[in-house]
């Protein structure tokens, strides 16, 4: 478990993309992305019709990361949210 944690931290620092915005997109990882998912994240569109924005997606992702449950959680599939229309 400890080795997996250090691998996750190393991959996040090394790749430097988790939790970062690129033009019109945001890479969400919740408690932390599994390193192997950073290369090919799932892509989802932000639902602008329901009032969702990249900023609200980022805020929710950061809140999840700061939550108490992350101490017990494993890594997550990386999800790249983007503005589609």
Protein backbone atom coordinates (compact mmCIF):
# COMPACT_ATOMS: atom_id res chain seq x y z
CA UNK A 1 0.00 0.00 0.00
CA UNK A 2 2.78 2.42 0.92
CA UNK A 3 4.69 1.64 -2.28
CA UNK A 4 1.53 2.31 -4.29
CA UNK A 5 1.07 5.65 -2.55
CA UNK A 6 4.63 6.74 -3.34
CA UNK A 7 4.25 5.56 -6.92
CA UNK A 8 1.09 7.63 -7.24
CA UNK A 9 2.77 10.73 -5.80
CA UNK A 10 5.80 10.21 -8.02
CA UNK A 11 3.67 9.77 -11.15
CA UNK A 12 1.62 12.87 -10.35
CA UNK A 13 4.73 14.98 -9.83
CA UNK A 14 6.57 13.46 -12.76
CA UNK A 15 3.74 13.79 -15.25
CA UNK A 16 2.53 17.06 -13.78
CA UNK A 17 -0.84 16.89 -15.47
CA UNK A 18 -3.23 15.71 -12.77
CA UNK A 19 -5.59 18.42 -11.63
CA UNK A 20 -4.44 20.88 -14.25
CA UNK A 21 -6.33 22.84 -16.82
CA UNK A 22 -5.40 22.87 -20.45
CA UNK A 23 -7.19 25.09 -22.88
CA UNK A 24 -10.88 24.21 -22.59
CA UNK A 25 -10.28 21.12 -20.45
CA UNK A 26 -9.53 19.91 -16.91
CA UNK A 27 -7.98 16.61 -15.80
CA UNK A 28 -9.85 15.36 -12.74
CA UNK A 29 -8.39 12.72 -10.45
CA UNK A 30 -10.44 12.89 -7.27
CA UNK A 31 -8.24 11.40 -4.54
CA UNK A 32 -5.53 10.65 -7.09
CA UNK A 33 -5.21 9.21 -10.57
CA UNK A 34 -3.88 5.74 -11.16
CA UNK A 35 -0.61 6.39 -13.04
CA UNK A 36 -1.51 4.14 -15.96
CA UNK A 37 -4.72 6.14 -16.61
CA UNK A 38 -2.96 9.49 -17.09
CA UNK A 39 -1.86 8.61 -20.62
CA UNK A 40 -5.39 7.80 -21.84
CA UNK A 41 -7.96 9.48 -19.59
CA UNK A 42 -11.68 9.03 -20.14
CA UNK A 43 -13.03 12.12 -21.92
CA UNK A 44 -16.29 13.72 -20.85
CA UNK A 45 -18.05 16.92 -21.85
CA UNK A 46 -19.02 19.61 -19.35
CA UNK A 47 -22.82 19.92 -19.33
CA UNK A 48 -23.22 23.63 -19.95
CA UNK A 49 -27.01 23.29 -20.28
CA UNK A 50 -27.28 22.32 -16.61
CA UNK A 51 -24.97 25.15 -15.56
CA UNK A 52 -21.81 23.07 -15.21
CA UNK A 53 -18.51 24.80 -16.00
CA UNK A 54 -14.87 23.76 -15.96
CA UNK A 55 -14.50 25.88 -12.82
CA UNK A 56 -17.31 24.01 -11.03
CA UNK A 57 -15.85 20.67 -12.15
CA UNK A 58 -12.44 21.68 -10.81
CA UNK A 59 -13.97 22.87 -7.53
CA UNK A 60 -15.79 19.54 -7.05
CA UNK A 61 -12.63 17.58 -7.88
CA UNK A 62 -10.54 19.58 -5.38
CA UNK A 63 -13.24 19.16 -2.69
CA UNK A 64 -13.19 15.40 -3.19
CA UNK A 65 -9.39 15.40 -2.94
CA UNK A 66 -9.55 17.35 0.34
CA UNK A 67 -12.18 15.01 1.82
CA UNK A 68 -11.57 12.61 4.70
CA UNK A 69 -12.34 9.57 2.54
CA UNK A 70 -9.19 9.99 0.43
CA UNK A 71 -7.02 8.57 3.21
CA UNK A 72 -8.67 5.19 2.60
CA UNK A 73 -9.32 5.42 -1.14
CA UNK A 74 -7.29 3.87 -3.88
CA UNK A 75 -6.42 5.62 -7.09
CA UNK A 76 -9.02 6.67 -9.66
CA UNK A 77 -9.42 6.62 -13.40
CA UNK A 78 -8.29 9.95 -14.86
CA UNK A 79 -11.12 11.92 -16.49
CA UNK A 80 -10.47 14.78 -18.91
CA UNK A 81 -13.45 17.17 -18.83
CA UNK A 82 -13.72 19.48 -21.80
CA UNK A 83 -16.05 22.11 -23.16
CA UNK A 84 -17.68 20.53 -26.16
CA UNK A 85 -20.13 23.20 -27.32
